[in-house]
PDB file of all heavy atoms in Angstrom:
ATOM      1  N   ASP A   1       0.845  -1.198   0.000  1.00  0.00           N
ATOM      2  CA  ASP A   1       0.000   0.000   0.000  1.00  0.00           C
ATOM      3  C   ASP A   1       0.883   1.252   0.000  1.00  0.00           C
ATOM      4  O   ASP A   1       2.048   1.213   0.408  1.00  0.00           O
ATOM      5  CB  ASP A   1      -0.903   0.031   1.234  1.00  0.00           C
ATOM      6  CG  ASP A   1      -2.067  -0.947   1.152  1.00  0.00           C
ATOM      7  OD1 ASP A   1      -2.341  -1.451   0.046  1.00  0.00           O
ATOM      8  OD2 ASP A   1      -2.702  -1.202   2.190  1.00  0.00           O
ATOM      9  N   LEU A   2       0.300   2.353  -0.438  1.00  0.00           N
ATOM     10  CA  LEU A   2       1.000   3.641  -0.459  1.00  0.00           C
ATOM     11  C   LEU A   2       0.223   4.636   0.388  1.00  0.00           C
ATOM     12  O   LEU A   2      -0.942   4.932   0.105  1.00  0.00           O
ATOM     13  CB  LEU A   2       1.122   4.166  -1.891  1.00  0.00           C
ATOM     14  CG  LEU A   2       1.717   5.578  -2.045  1.00  0.00           C
ATOM     15  CD1 LEU A   2       3.187   5.582  -1.633  1.00  0.00           C
ATOM     16  CD2 LEU A   2       1.550   6.074  -3.477  1.00  0.00           C
ATOM     17  N   LEU A   3       0.854   5.139   1.431  1.00  0.00           N
ATOM     18  CA  LEU A   3       0.264   6.156   2.300  1.00  0.00           C
ATOM     19  C   LEU A   3       0.646   7.527   1.758  1.00  0.00           C
ATOM     20  O   LEU A   3       1.834   7.835   1.619  1.00  0.00           O
ATOM     21  CB  LEU A   3       0.794   5.987   3.717  1.00  0.00           C
ATOM     22  CG  LEU A   3       0.085   6.744   4.835  1.00  0.00           C
ATOM     23  CD1 LEU A   3      -1.262   6.111   5.149  1.00  0.00           C
ATOM     24  CD2 LEU A   3       0.964   6.759   6.094  1.00  0.00           C
ATOM     25  N   VAL A   4      -0.344   8.363   1.442  1.00  0.00           N
ATOM     26  CA  VAL A   4      -0.077   9.697   0.900  1.00  0.00           C
ATOM     27  C   VAL A   4      -0.515  10.744   1.918  1.00  0.00           C
ATOM     28  O   VAL A   4      -1.674  10.766   2.353  1.00  0.00           O
ATOM     29  CB  VAL A   4      -0.790   9.923  -0.441  1.00  0.00           C
ATOM     30  CG1 VAL A   4      -0.351  11.270  -1.042  1.00  0.00           C
ATOM     31  CG2 VAL A   4      -0.492   8.797  -1.423  1.00  0.00           C
ATOM     32  N   LEU A   5       0.422  11.608   2.309  1.00  0.00           N
ATOM     33  CA  LEU A   5       0.224  12.608   3.359  1.00  0.00           C
ATOM     34  C   LEU A   5       0.357  14.016   2.798  1.00  0.00           C
ATOM     35  O   LEU A   5       1.126  14.245   1.858  1.00  0.00           O
ATOM     36  CB  LEU A   5       1.261  12.403   4.458  1.00  0.00           C
ATOM     37  CG  LEU A   5       1.285  11.026   5.125  1.00  0.00           C
ATOM     38  CD1 LEU A   5       2.685  10.710   5.634  1.00  0.00           C
ATOM     39  CD2 LEU A   5       0.297  10.969   6.264  1.00  0.00           C
ATOM     40  N   ASN A   6      -0.356  14.946   3.407  1.00  0.00           N
ATOM     41  CA  ASN A   6      -0.250  16.360   3.036  1.00  0.00           C
ATOM     42  C   ASN A   6       0.777  17.029   3.954  1.00  0.00           C
ATOM     43  O   ASN A   6       0.571  17.129   5.167  1.00  0.00           O
ATOM     44  CB  ASN A   6      -1.612  17.037   3.181  1.00  0.00           C
ATOM     45  CG  ASN A   6      -1.598  18.508   2.769  1.00  0.00           C
ATOM     46  OD1 ASN A   6      -0.589  19.017   2.295  1.00  0.00           O
ATOM     47  ND2 ASN A   6      -2.716  19.180   2.946  1.00  0.00           N
ATOM     48  N   ASP A   7       1.897  17.483   3.374  1.00  0.00           N
ATOM     49  CA  ASP A   7       2.991  18.034   4.187  1.00  0.00           C
ATOM     50  C   ASP A   7       2.958  19.547   4.325  1.00  0.00           C
ATOM     51  O   ASP A   7       3.969  20.186   4.610  1.00  0.00           O
ATOM     52  CB  ASP A   7       4.346  17.571   3.645  1.00  0.00           C
ATOM     53  CG  ASP A   7       4.658  18.105   2.250  1.00  0.00           C
ATOM     54  OD1 ASP A   7       3.842  18.887   1.707  1.00  0.00           O
ATOM     55  OD2 ASP A   7       5.709  17.734   1.695  1.00  0.00           O
ATOM     56  N   THR A   8       1.775  20.153   4.140  1.00  0.00           N
ATOM     57  CA  THR A   8       1.658  21.590   4.372  1.00  0.00           C
ATOM     58  C   THR A   8       1.942  21.914   5.837  1.00  0.00           C
ATOM     59  O   THR A   8       1.798  21.065   6.715  1.00  0.00           O
ATOM     60  CB  THR A   8       0.253  22.097   3.992  1.00  0.00           C
ATOM     61  OG1 THR A   8       0.226  23.531   4.078  1.00  0.00           O
ATOM     62  CG2 THR A   8      -0.816  21.541   4.917  1.00  0.00           C
ATOM     63  N   LYS A   9       2.336  23.149   6.078  1.00  0.00           N
ATOM     64  CA  LYS A   9       2.637  23.600   7.442  1.00  0.00           C
ATOM     65  C   LYS A   9       1.724  24.762   7.805  1.00  0.00           C
ATOM     66  O   LYS A   9       1.608  25.739   7.052  1.00  0.00           O
ATOM     67  CB  LYS A   9       4.108  24.027   7.543  1.00  0.00           C
ATOM     68  CG  LYS A   9       4.550  24.397   8.948  1.00  0.00           C
ATOM     69  CD  LYS A   9       6.053  24.685   8.979  1.00  0.00           C
ATOM     70  CE  LYS A   9       6.532  24.977  10.391  1.00  0.00           C
ATOM     71  NZ  LYS A   9       7.998  25.227  10.427  1.00  0.00           N
ATOM     72  N   VAL A  10       1.073  24.652   8.951  1.00  0.00           N
ATOM     73  CA  VAL A  10       0.197  25.728   9.422  1.00  0.00           C
ATOM     74  C   VAL A  10       1.044  26.915   9.864  1.00  0.00           C
ATOM     75  O   VAL A  10       2.018  26.757  10.609  1.00  0.00           O
ATOM     76  CB  VAL A  10      -0.680  25.249  10.592  1.00  0.00           C
ATOM     77  CG1 VAL A  10      -1.572  26.389  11.105  1.00  0.00           C
ATOM     78  CG2 VAL A  10      -1.540  24.062  10.170  1.00  0.00           C
ATOM     79  N   VAL A  11       0.689  28.089   9.379  1.00  0.00           N
ATOM     80  CA  VAL A  11       1.385  29.313   9.785  1.00  0.00           C
ATOM     81  C   VAL A  11       0.539  30.062  10.813  1.00  0.00           C
ATOM     82  O   VAL A  11      -0.674  29.882  10.899  1.00  0.00           O
ATOM     83  CB  VAL A  11       1.673  30.222   8.570  1.00  0.00           C
ATOM     84  CG1 VAL A  11       2.670  29.569   7.636  1.00  0.00           C
ATOM     85  CG2 VAL A  11       0.399  30.568   7.821  1.00  0.00           C
ATOM     86  N   LYS A  12       1.205  30.921  11.594  1.00  0.00           N
ATOM     87  CA  LYS A  12       0.493  31.719  12.603  1.00  0.00           C
ATOM     88  C   LYS A  12      -0.153  32.906  11.904  1.00  0.00           C
ATOM     89  O   LYS A  12       0.303  34.049  11.992  1.00  0.00           O
ATOM     90  CB  LYS A  12       1.469  32.164  13.687  1.00  0.00           C
ATOM     91  CG  LYS A  12       2.118  31.007  14.434  1.00  0.00           C
ATOM     92  CD  LYS A  12       3.122  31.543  15.442  1.00  0.00           C
ATOM     93  CE  LYS A  12       3.908  30.459  16.113  1.00  0.00           C
ATOM     94  NZ  LYS A  12       4.928  30.978  17.051  1.00  0.00           N
ATOM     95  N   ALA A  13      -1.235  32.611  11.215  1.00  0.00           N
ATOM     96  CA  ALA A  13      -1.790  33.558  10.249  1.00  0.00           C
ATOM     97  C   ALA A  13      -2.704  34.605  10.857  1.00  0.00           C
ATOM     98  O   ALA A  13      -3.117  35.530  10.156  1.00  0.00           O
ATOM     99  CB  ALA A  13      -2.561  32.782   9.172  1.00  0.00           C
ATOM    100  N   ARG A  14      -3.041  34.483  12.127  1.00  0.00           N
ATOM    101  CA  ARG A  14      -3.950  35.450  12.748  1.00  0.00           C
ATOM    102  C   ARG A  14      -3.141  36.576  13.381  1.00  0.00           C
ATOM    103  O   ARG A  14      -2.309  36.357  14.267  1.00  0.00           O
ATOM    104  CB  ARG A  14      -4.821  34.740  13.791  1.00  0.00           C
ATOM    105  CG  ARG A  14      -5.808  35.662  14.483  1.00  0.00           C
ATOM    106  CD  ARG A  14      -6.906  34.891  15.195  1.00  0.00           C
ATOM    107  NE  ARG A  14      -7.915  34.438  14.244  1.00  0.00           N
ATOM    108  CZ  ARG A  14      -8.347  33.188  14.149  1.00  0.00           C
ATOM    109  NH1 ARG A  14      -7.841  32.248  14.914  1.00  0.00           N
ATOM    110  NH2 ARG A  14      -9.284  32.871  13.277  1.00  0.00           N
ATOM    111  N   LEU A  15      -3.382  37.800  12.892  1.00  0.00           N
ATOM    112  CA  LEU A  15      -2.651  38.987  13.339  1.00  0.00           C
ATOM    113  C   LEU A  15      -3.639  40.037  13.836  1.00  0.00           C
ATOM    114  O   LEU A  15      -4.741  40.179  13.291  1.00  0.00           O
ATOM    115  CB  LEU A  15      -1.833  39.578  12.183  1.00  0.00           C
ATOM    116  CG  LEU A  15      -0.795  38.652  11.527  1.00  0.00           C
ATOM    117  CD1 LEU A  15      -0.281  39.273  10.243  1.00  0.00           C
ATOM    118  CD2 LEU A  15       0.351  38.371  12.493  1.00  0.00           C
ATOM    119  N   PHE A  16      -3.251  40.785  14.839  1.00  0.00           N
ATOM    120  CA  PHE A  16      -4.119  41.804  15.421  1.00  0.00           C
ATOM    121  C   PHE A  16      -3.461  43.184  15.318  1.00  0.00           C
ATOM    122  O   PHE A  16      -2.238  43.309  15.295  1.00  0.00           O
ATOM    123  CB  PHE A  16      -4.410  41.477  16.890  1.00  0.00           C
ATOM    124  CG  PHE A  16      -5.157  40.191  17.082  1.00  0.00           C
ATOM    125  CD1 PHE A  16      -4.467  39.004  17.304  1.00  0.00           C
ATOM    126  CD2 PHE A  16      -6.537  40.154  17.017  1.00  0.00           C
ATOM    127  CE1 PHE A  16      -5.150  37.805  17.474  1.00  0.00           C
ATOM    128  CE2 PHE A  16      -7.237  38.966  17.187  1.00  0.00           C
ATOM    129  CZ  PHE A  16      -6.538  37.785  17.411  1.00  0.00           C
ATOM    130  N   GLY A  17      -4.304  44.207  15.256  1.00  0.00           N
ATOM    131  CA  GLY A  17      -3.800  45.569  15.172  1.00  0.00           C
ATOM    132  C   GLY A  17      -4.920  46.569  15.334  1.00  0.00           C
ATOM    133  O   GLY A  17      -5.997  46.237  15.845  1.00  0.00           O
ATOM    134  N   GLN A  18      -4.673  47.799  14.856  1.00  0.00           N
ATOM    135  CA  GLN A  18      -5.703  48.817  14.965  1.00  0.00           C
ATOM    136  C   GLN A  18      -5.624  49.803  13.817  1.00  0.00           C
ATOM    137  O   GLN A  18      -4.568  50.010  13.222  1.00  0.00           O
ATOM    138  CB  GLN A  18      -5.588  49.570  16.293  1.00  0.00           C
ATOM    139  CG  GLN A  18      -4.293  50.332  16.498  1.00  0.00           C
ATOM    140  CD  GLN A  18      -4.223  50.957  17.882  1.00  0.00           C
ATOM    141  OE1 GLN A  18      -4.808  50.447  18.836  1.00  0.00           O
ATOM    142  NE2 GLN A  18      -3.515  52.081  17.987  1.00  0.00           N
ATOM    143  N   LYS A  19      -6.774  50.396  13.517  1.00  0.00           N
ATOM    144  CA  LYS A  19      -6.854  51.445  12.503  1.00  0.00           C
ATOM    145  C   LYS A  19      -6.337  52.760  13.086  1.00  0.00           C
ATOM    146  O   LYS A  19      -6.117  52.870  14.296  1.00  0.00           O
ATOM    147  CB  LYS A  19      -8.298  51.618  12.038  1.00  0.00           C
ATOM    148  CG  LYS A  19      -8.912  50.369  11.433  1.00  0.00           C
ATOM    149  CD  LYS A  19     -10.309  50.648  10.898  1.00  0.00           C
ATOM    150  CE  LYS A  19     -11.276  51.004  12.023  1.00  0.00           C
ATOM    151  NZ  LYS A  19     -12.650  51.269  11.510  1.00  0.00           N
ATOM    152  N   SER A  20      -6.181  53.732  12.225  1.00  0.00           N
ATOM    153  CA  SER A  20      -5.713  55.042  12.692  1.00  0.00           C
ATOM    154  C   SER A  20      -6.701  55.665  13.666  1.00  0.00           C
ATOM    155  O   SER A  20      -6.326  56.474  14.527  1.00  0.00           O
ATOM    156  CB  SER A  20      -5.486  55.977  11.502  1.00  0.00           C
ATOM    157  OG  SER A  20      -6.682  56.120  10.749  1.00  0.00           O
ATOM    158  N   SER A  21      -7.991  55.278  13.548  1.00  0.00           N
ATOM    159  CA  SER A  21      -9.019  55.787  14.461  1.00  0.00           C
ATOM    160  C   SER A  21      -8.940  55.137  15.830  1.00  0.00           C
ATOM    161  O   SER A  21      -9.610  55.569  16.774  1.00  0.00           O
ATOM    162  CB  SER A  21     -10.400  55.538  13.861  1.00  0.00           C
ATOM    163  OG  SER A  21     -10.639  54.140  13.735  1.00  0.00           O
ATOM    164  N   GLY A  22      -8.151  54.066  15.937  1.00  0.00           N
ATOM    165  CA  GLY A  22      -8.035  53.354  17.193  1.00  0.00           C
ATOM    166  C   GLY A  22      -8.854  52.084  17.263  1.00  0.00           C
ATOM    167  O   GLY A  22      -8.704  51.290  18.201  1.00  0.00           O
ATOM    168  N   GLY A  23      -9.744  51.870  16.292  1.00  0.00           N
ATOM    169  CA  GLY A  23     -10.562  50.666  16.272  1.00  0.00           C
ATOM    170  C   GLY A  23      -9.729  49.424  16.024  1.00  0.00           C
ATOM    171  O   GLY A  23      -8.811  49.426  15.199  1.00  0.00           O
ATOM    172  N   ARG A  24     -10.019  48.363  16.768  1.00  0.00           N
ATOM    173  CA  ARG A  24      -9.262  47.127  16.654  1.00  0.00           C
ATOM    174  C   ARG A  24      -9.663  46.363  15.392  1.00  0.00           C
ATOM    175  O   ARG A  24     -10.798  46.460  14.914  1.00  0.00           O
ATOM    176  CB  ARG A  24      -9.486  46.250  17.879  1.00  0.00           C
ATOM    177  CG  ARG A  24      -8.954  46.839  19.175  1.00  0.00           C
ATOM    178  CD  ARG A  24      -7.442  46.900  19.198  1.00  0.00           C
ATOM    179  NE  ARG A  24      -6.844  45.569  19.279  1.00  0.00           N
ATOM    180  CZ  ARG A  24      -5.534  45.338  19.173  1.00  0.00           C
ATOM    181  NH1 ARG A  24      -4.680  46.345  18.966  1.00  0.00           N
ATOM    182  NH2 ARG A  24      -5.064  44.114  19.276  1.00  0.00           N
ATOM    183  N   LEU A  25      -8.711  45.592  14.873  1.00  0.00           N
ATOM    184  CA  LEU A  25      -8.999  44.744  13.719  1.00  0.00           C
ATOM    185  C   LEU A  25      -8.192  43.461  13.818  1.00  0.00           C
ATOM    186  O   LEU A  25      -7.198  43.378  14.559  1.00  0.00           O
ATOM    187  CB  LEU A  25      -8.700  45.456  12.402  1.00  0.00           C
ATOM    188  CG  LEU A  25      -7.248  45.463  11.886  1.00  0.00           C
ATOM    189  CD1 LEU A  25      -7.207  45.614  10.398  1.00  0.00           C
ATOM    190  CD2 LEU A  25      -6.465  46.567  12.570  1.00  0.00           C
ATOM    191  N   GLU A  26      -8.642  42.487  13.075  1.00  0.00           N
ATOM    192  CA  GLU A  26      -7.975  41.192  13.013  1.00  0.00           C
ATOM    193  C   GLU A  26      -7.801  40.807  11.553  1.00  0.00           C
ATOM    194  O   GLU A  26      -8.734  40.929  10.756  1.00  0.00           O
ATOM    195  CB  GLU A  26      -8.803  40.131  13.730  1.00  0.00           C
ATOM    196  CG  GLU A  26      -8.247  38.724  13.624  1.00  0.00           C
ATOM    197  CD  GLU A  26      -9.168  37.685  14.234  1.00  0.00           C
ATOM    198  OE1 GLU A  26      -9.899  38.025  15.199  1.00  0.00           O
ATOM    199  OE2 GLU A  26      -9.181  36.533  13.742  1.00  0.00           O
ATOM    200  N   LEU A  27      -6.611  40.353  11.199  1.00  0.00           N
ATOM    201  CA  LEU A  27      -6.333  39.839   9.866  1.00  0.00           C
ATOM    202  C   LEU A  27      -6.055  38.343   9.961  1.00  0.00           C
ATOM    203  O   LEU A  27      -5.383  37.890  10.891  1.00  0.00           O
ATOM    204  CB  LEU A  27      -5.123  40.538   9.232  1.00  0.00           C
ATOM    205  CG  LEU A  27      -5.178  42.051   9.064  1.00  0.00           C
ATOM    206  CD1 LEU A  27      -3.908  42.534   8.353  1.00  0.00           C
ATOM    207  CD2 LEU A  27      -6.416  42.474   8.288  1.00  0.00           C
ATOM    208  N   LEU A  28      -6.565  37.609   8.995  1.00  0.00           N
ATOM    209  CA  LEU A  28      -6.225  36.200   8.853  1.00  0.00           C
ATOM    210  C   LEU A  28      -5.627  36.042   7.466  1.00  0.00           C
ATOM    211  O   LEU A  28      -6.336  36.109   6.460  1.00  0.00           O
ATOM    212  CB  LEU A  28      -7.455  35.310   9.002  1.00  0.00           C
ATOM    213  CG  LEU A  28      -7.199  33.803   8.835  1.00  0.00           C
ATOM    214  CD1 LEU A  28      -6.256  33.295   9.921  1.00  0.00           C
ATOM    215  CD2 LEU A  28      -8.503  33.024   8.843  1.00  0.00           C
ATOM    216  N   ILE A  29      -4.317  35.885   7.412  1.00  0.00           N
ATOM    217  CA  ILE A  29      -3.626  35.846   6.128  1.00  0.00           C
ATOM    218  C   ILE A  29      -3.902  34.505   5.447  1.00  0.00           C
ATOM    219  O   ILE A  29      -3.498  33.455   5.932  1.00  0.00           O
ATOM    220  CB  ILE A  29      -2.118  36.076   6.301  1.00  0.00           C
ATOM    221  CG1 ILE A  29      -1.881  37.499   6.834  1.00  0.00           C
ATOM    222  CG2 ILE A  29      -1.384  35.865   4.981  1.00  0.00           C
ATOM    223  CD1 ILE A  29      -0.431  37.847   7.011  1.00  0.00           C
ATOM    224  N   GLU A  30      -4.592  34.573   4.350  1.00  0.00           N
ATOM    225  CA  GLU A  30      -4.960  33.378   3.589  1.00  0.00           C
ATOM    226  C   GLU A  30      -3.849  32.948   2.641  1.00  0.00           C
ATOM    227  O   GLU A  30      -3.634  31.766   2.410  1.00  0.00           O
ATOM    228  CB  GLU A  30      -6.241  33.657   2.788  1.00  0.00           C
ATOM    229  CG  GLU A  30      -6.705  32.531   1.904  1.00  0.00           C
ATOM    230  CD  GLU A  30      -7.604  31.530   2.618  1.00  0.00           C
ATOM    231  OE1 GLU A  30      -8.035  31.817   3.747  1.00  0.00           O
ATOM    232  OE2 GLU A  30      -7.852  30.457   2.042  1.00  0.00           O
ATOM    233  N   ARG A  31      -3.140  33.940   2.094  1.00  0.00           N
ATOM    234  CA  ARG A  31      -2.131  33.608   1.084  1.00  0.00           C
ATOM    235  C   ARG A  31      -1.075  34.693   1.001  1.00  0.00           C
ATOM    236  O   ARG A  31      -1.400  35.883   0.997  1.00  0.00           O
ATOM    237  CB  ARG A  31      -2.798  33.426  -0.282  1.00  0.00           C
ATOM    238  CG  ARG A  31      -1.880  32.957  -1.374  1.00  0.00           C
ATOM    239  CD  ARG A  31      -2.635  32.703  -2.681  1.00  0.00           C
ATOM    240  NE  ARG A  31      -3.633  31.651  -2.560  1.00  0.00           N
ATOM    241  CZ  ARG A  31      -4.132  30.987  -3.604  1.00  0.00           C
ATOM    242  NH1 ARG A  31      -3.708  31.275  -4.831  1.00  0.00           N
ATOM    243  NH2 ARG A  31      -5.043  30.060  -3.430  1.00  0.00           N
ATOM    244  N   VAL A  32       0.190  34.288   0.955  1.00  0.00           N
ATOM    245  CA  VAL A  32       1.287  35.224   0.695  1.00  0.00           C
ATOM    246  C   VAL A  32       1.429  35.342  -0.814  1.00  0.00           C
ATOM    247  O   VAL A  32       1.621  34.350  -1.523  1.00  0.00           O
ATOM    248  CB  VAL A  32       2.595  34.734   1.331  1.00  0.00           C
ATOM    249  CG1 VAL A  32       3.762  35.630   0.934  1.00  0.00           C
ATOM    250  CG2 VAL A  32       2.458  34.691   2.855  1.00  0.00           C
ATOM    251  N   LEU A  33       1.303  36.567  -1.330  1.00  0.00           N
ATOM    252  CA  LEU A  33       1.292  36.796  -2.778  1.00  0.00           C
ATOM    253  C   LEU A  33       2.675  37.109  -3.332  1.00  0.00           C
ATOM    254  O   LEU A  33       2.927  36.898  -4.514  1.00  0.00           O
ATOM    255  CB  LEU A  33       0.337  37.946  -3.115  1.00  0.00           C
ATOM    256  CG  LEU A  33      -1.115  37.770  -2.661  1.00  0.00           C
ATOM    257  CD1 LEU A  33      -1.922  39.025  -2.978  1.00  0.00           C
ATOM    258  CD2 LEU A  33      -1.755  36.546  -3.307  1.00  0.00           C
ATOM    259  N   SER A  34       3.561  37.608  -2.497  1.00  0.00           N
ATOM    260  CA  SER A  34       4.882  38.014  -2.961  1.00  0.00           C
ATOM    261  C   SER A  34       5.896  36.906  -2.732  1.00  0.00           C
ATOM    262  O   SER A  34       5.658  35.960  -1.969  1.00  0.00           O
ATOM    263  CB  SER A  34       5.324  39.286  -2.231  1.00  0.00           C
ATOM    264  OG  SER A  34       5.254  39.097  -0.828  1.00  0.00           O
ATOM    265  N   SER A  35       7.030  37.025  -3.402  1.00  0.00           N
ATOM    266  CA  SER A  35       8.145  36.108  -3.197  1.00  0.00           C
ATOM    267  C   SER A  35       9.108  36.708  -2.177  1.00  0.00           C
ATOM    268  O   SER A  35       9.124  37.928  -1.979  1.00  0.00           O
ATOM    269  CB  SER A  35       8.879  35.864  -4.520  1.00  0.00           C
ATOM    270  OG  SER A  35       8.007  35.296  -5.472  1.00  0.00           O
TER     271      SER A  35
END
C-alpha cells in the first residue's frame, strides 16, 4: 500500500492591530502573494 500525506505547514496567520481611528482589527492571512 501507499500512504499519501499532506505536508503543508500551518502558519500563525492570525494577526491583530488597529486602525488610525483606534478601532481594533484582526487579519487572517490566507495567502502570501509576494516572493
